[in-house]
Amino acid sequence: MIENNRRLHDLRQPLNVIRLAAGNMSIRIQREADLPSREYYASKLDLIETQVEMLAALLDEIAGGDANDR
């Protein structure tokens, strides 16, 4: 059980980095009003965030949904 928790933690760590980086990029893109491709980049970041959320939910399901496994 402890080994599985460690593996789940190891899988969640890069997801958190990706989530934070995508969020920071979204904020930056929103602030850059003159960015010609802002909508394109925003849509790609939304896709990244959606996929990260889906994978995080799957990891939660594998862990049995126990918040203490995080």
N, C-alpha and C. Protein backbone atom coordinates (compact mmCIF):
# COMPACT_ATOMS: atom_id res chain seq x y z
N MET A 1 0.82 -1.20 0.00
CA MET A 1 0.00 0.00 0.00
C MET A 1 0.86 1.26 0.00
N ILE A 2 1.90 1.27 0.83
CA ILE A 2 2.78 2.44 0.89
C ILE A 2 3.48 2.64 -0.44
N GLU A 3 3.92 1.56 -1.05
CA GLU A 3 4.59 1.66 -2.36
C GLU A 3 3.64 2.23 -3.41
N ASN A 4 2.38 1.79 -3.39
CA ASN A 4 1.40 2.33 -4.34
C ASN A 4 1.16 3.81 -4.10
N ASN A 5 1.08 4.21 -2.83
CA ASN A 5 0.90 5.63 -2.51
C ASN A 5 2.08 6.46 -3.02
N ARG A 6 3.28 5.91 -2.88
CA ARG A 6 4.47 6.61 -3.37
C ARG A 6 4.43 6.76 -4.89
N ARG A 7 4.02 5.71 -5.56
CA ARG A 7 3.92 5.77 -7.02
C ARG A 7 2.86 6.77 -7.47
N LEU A 8 1.72 6.77 -6.78
CA LEU A 8 0.67 7.74 -7.11
C LEU A 8 1.17 9.16 -6.88
N HIS A 9 1.88 9.35 -5.78
CA HIS A 9 2.47 10.67 -5.50
C HIS A 9 3.44 11.06 -6.61
N ASP A 10 4.28 10.13 -7.02
CA ASP A 10 5.25 10.40 -8.09
C ASP A 10 4.57 10.74 -9.41
N LEU A 11 3.42 10.16 -9.66
CA LEU A 11 2.66 10.48 -10.88
C LEU A 11 1.96 11.83 -10.76
N ARG A 12 1.53 12.18 -9.57
CA ARG A 12 0.82 13.46 -9.38
C ARG A 12 1.76 14.66 -9.46
N GLN A 13 3.00 14.49 -9.04
CA GLN A 13 3.93 15.62 -9.01
C GLN A 13 4.09 16.30 -10.37
N PRO A 14 4.38 15.56 -11.44
CA PRO A 14 4.50 16.23 -12.74
C PRO A 14 3.18 16.85 -13.19
N LEU A 15 2.07 16.23 -12.81
CA LEU A 15 0.77 16.82 -13.16
C LEU A 15 0.59 18.18 -12.51
N ASN A 16 1.03 18.30 -11.26
CA ASN A 16 0.93 19.59 -10.58
C ASN A 16 1.81 20.64 -11.25
N VAL A 17 2.99 20.25 -11.67
CA VAL A 17 3.88 21.18 -12.37
C VAL A 17 3.24 21.63 -13.69
N ILE A 18 2.70 20.68 -14.43
CA ILE A 18 2.05 21.00 -15.70
C ILE A 18 0.85 21.92 -15.46
N ARG A 19 0.05 21.60 -14.45
CA ARG A 19 -1.13 22.41 -14.12
C ARG A 19 -0.74 23.84 -13.76
N LEU A 20 0.29 23.99 -12.92
CA LEU A 20 0.73 25.33 -12.53
C LEU A 20 1.31 26.11 -13.70
N ALA A 21 2.12 25.44 -14.52
CA ALA A 21 2.71 26.11 -15.68
C ALA A 21 1.63 26.54 -16.67
N ALA A 22 0.66 25.68 -16.92
CA ALA A 22 -0.42 26.04 -17.84
C ALA A 22 -1.24 27.19 -17.28
N GLY A 23 -1.49 27.17 -15.98
CA GLY A 23 -2.22 28.27 -15.35
C GLY A 23 -1.48 29.59 -15.44
N ASN A 24 -0.17 29.54 -15.21
CA ASN A 24 0.65 30.76 -15.32
C ASN A 24 0.67 31.28 -16.75
N MET A 25 0.75 30.37 -17.70
CA MET A 25 0.73 30.79 -19.11
C MET A 25 -0.62 31.39 -19.47
N SER A 26 -1.70 30.83 -18.95
CA SER A 26 -3.04 31.37 -19.23
C SER A 26 -3.16 32.80 -18.72
N ILE A 27 -2.67 33.03 -17.52
CA ILE A 27 -2.70 34.38 -16.95
C ILE A 27 -1.89 35.34 -17.81
N ARG A 28 -0.71 34.90 -18.21
CA ARG A 28 0.16 35.75 -19.04
C ARG A 28 -0.49 36.06 -20.37
N ILE A 29 -1.10 35.07 -21.00
CA ILE A 29 -1.76 35.27 -22.29
C ILE A 29 -2.93 36.25 -22.15
N GLN A 30 -3.70 36.13 -21.07
CA GLN A 30 -4.82 37.04 -20.86
C GLN A 30 -4.36 38.48 -20.70
N ARG A 31 -3.20 38.67 -20.10
CA ARG A 31 -2.65 40.02 -19.87
C ARG A 31 -2.08 40.63 -21.15
N GLU A 32 -1.66 39.79 -22.06
CA GLU A 32 -1.05 40.26 -23.31
C GLU A 32 -2.15 40.51 -24.33
N ALA A 33 -2.79 41.64 -24.25
CA ALA A 33 -3.94 41.95 -25.11
C ALA A 33 -3.57 42.00 -26.58
N ASP A 34 -2.34 42.33 -26.88
CA ASP A 34 -1.94 42.48 -28.28
C ASP A 34 -1.37 41.20 -28.89
N LEU A 35 -1.41 40.13 -28.17
CA LEU A 35 -0.90 38.86 -28.68
C LEU A 35 -1.83 38.35 -29.79
N PRO A 36 -1.34 38.29 -31.03
CA PRO A 36 -2.22 37.94 -32.16
C PRO A 36 -2.84 36.55 -32.07
N SER A 37 -2.14 35.61 -31.50
CA SER A 37 -2.63 34.22 -31.44
C SER A 37 -3.14 33.86 -30.05
N ARG A 38 -3.58 34.86 -29.29
CA ARG A 38 -3.99 34.63 -27.91
C ARG A 38 -5.07 33.56 -27.80
N GLU A 39 -6.08 33.62 -28.63
CA GLU A 39 -7.18 32.65 -28.56
C GLU A 39 -6.70 31.24 -28.87
N TYR A 40 -5.79 31.12 -29.83
CA TYR A 40 -5.24 29.81 -30.17
C TYR A 40 -4.50 29.21 -28.98
N TYR A 41 -3.60 29.99 -28.40
CA TYR A 41 -2.83 29.50 -27.26
C TYR A 41 -3.72 29.22 -26.06
N ALA A 42 -4.69 30.06 -25.83
CA ALA A 42 -5.62 29.85 -24.71
C ALA A 42 -6.38 28.54 -24.89
N SER A 43 -6.79 28.23 -26.11
CA SER A 43 -7.51 26.98 -26.34
C SER A 43 -6.61 25.76 -26.12
N LYS A 44 -5.36 25.88 -26.49
CA LYS A 44 -4.42 24.76 -26.28
C LYS A 44 -4.15 24.57 -24.79
N LEU A 45 -4.03 25.67 -24.05
CA LEU A 45 -3.82 25.56 -22.61
C LEU A 45 -5.05 24.98 -21.92
N ASP A 46 -6.23 25.34 -22.39
CA ASP A 46 -7.45 24.74 -21.85
C ASP A 46 -7.46 23.24 -22.07
N LEU A 47 -7.00 22.81 -23.23
CA LEU A 47 -6.92 21.38 -23.53
C LEU A 47 -5.95 20.69 -22.57
N ILE A 48 -4.80 21.29 -22.35
CA ILE A 48 -3.82 20.73 -21.42
C ILE A 48 -4.43 20.61 -20.03
N GLU A 49 -5.06 21.67 -19.57
CA GLU A 49 -5.66 21.65 -18.24
C GLU A 49 -6.75 20.59 -18.12
N THR A 50 -7.55 20.44 -19.15
CA THR A 50 -8.61 19.43 -19.14
C THR A 50 -8.02 18.03 -19.05
N GLN A 51 -6.97 17.77 -19.82
CA GLN A 51 -6.36 16.45 -19.81
C GLN A 51 -5.68 16.16 -18.48
N VAL A 52 -5.04 17.16 -17.89
CA VAL A 52 -4.42 16.99 -16.58
C VAL A 52 -5.48 16.66 -15.54
N GLU A 53 -6.62 17.36 -15.58
CA GLU A 53 -7.70 17.09 -14.64
C GLU A 53 -8.23 15.66 -14.82
N MET A 54 -8.35 15.22 -16.05
CA MET A 54 -8.83 13.86 -16.30
C MET A 54 -7.86 12.82 -15.74
N LEU A 55 -6.57 13.03 -15.94
CA LEU A 55 -5.58 12.10 -15.43
C LEU A 55 -5.53 12.14 -13.91
N ALA A 56 -5.65 13.31 -13.32
CA ALA A 56 -5.67 13.42 -11.86
C ALA A 56 -6.88 12.68 -11.29
N ALA A 57 -8.02 12.79 -11.94
CA ALA A 57 -9.22 12.08 -11.49
C ALA A 57 -9.02 10.57 -11.60
N LEU A 58 -8.37 10.13 -12.65
CA LEU A 58 -8.08 8.71 -12.80
C LEU A 58 -7.16 8.22 -11.69
N LEU A 59 -6.14 9.00 -11.35
CA LEU A 59 -5.25 8.63 -10.26
C LEU A 59 -6.00 8.57 -8.94
N ASP A 60 -6.93 9.52 -8.73
CA ASP A 60 -7.76 9.49 -7.54
C ASP A 60 -8.61 8.23 -7.49
N GLU A 61 -9.14 7.83 -8.63
CA GLU A 61 -9.96 6.62 -8.70
C GLU A 61 -9.11 5.39 -8.39
N ILE A 62 -7.91 5.35 -8.94
CA ILE A 62 -7.01 4.22 -8.66
C ILE A 62 -6.66 4.17 -7.17
N ALA A 63 -6.50 5.33 -6.57
CA ALA A 63 -6.15 5.39 -5.16
C ALA A 63 -7.37 5.12 -4.27
N GLY A 64 -8.52 4.99 -4.88
CA GLY A 64 -9.73 4.76 -4.12
C GLY A 64 -10.37 6.05 -3.66
N GLY A 65 -9.92 7.16 -4.25
CA GLY A 65 -10.52 8.45 -3.93
C GLY A 65 -10.14 8.96 -2.55
N ASP A 66 -9.18 8.35 -1.93
CA ASP A 66 -8.77 8.76 -0.58
C ASP A 66 -7.88 9.98 -0.66
N ALA A 67 -8.34 11.10 -0.14
CA ALA A 67 -7.57 12.34 -0.16
C ALA A 67 -6.28 12.22 0.62
N ASN A 68 -6.18 11.26 1.55
CA ASN A 68 -4.97 11.10 2.33
C ASN A 68 -3.83 10.51 1.51
N ASP A 69 -4.13 9.98 0.32
CA ASP A 69 -3.09 9.43 -0.53
C ASP A 69 -2.32 10.52 -1.26
N ARG A 70 -2.79 11.72 -1.21
CA ARG A 70 -2.15 12.82 -1.96
C ARG A 70 -0.92 13.32 -1.29
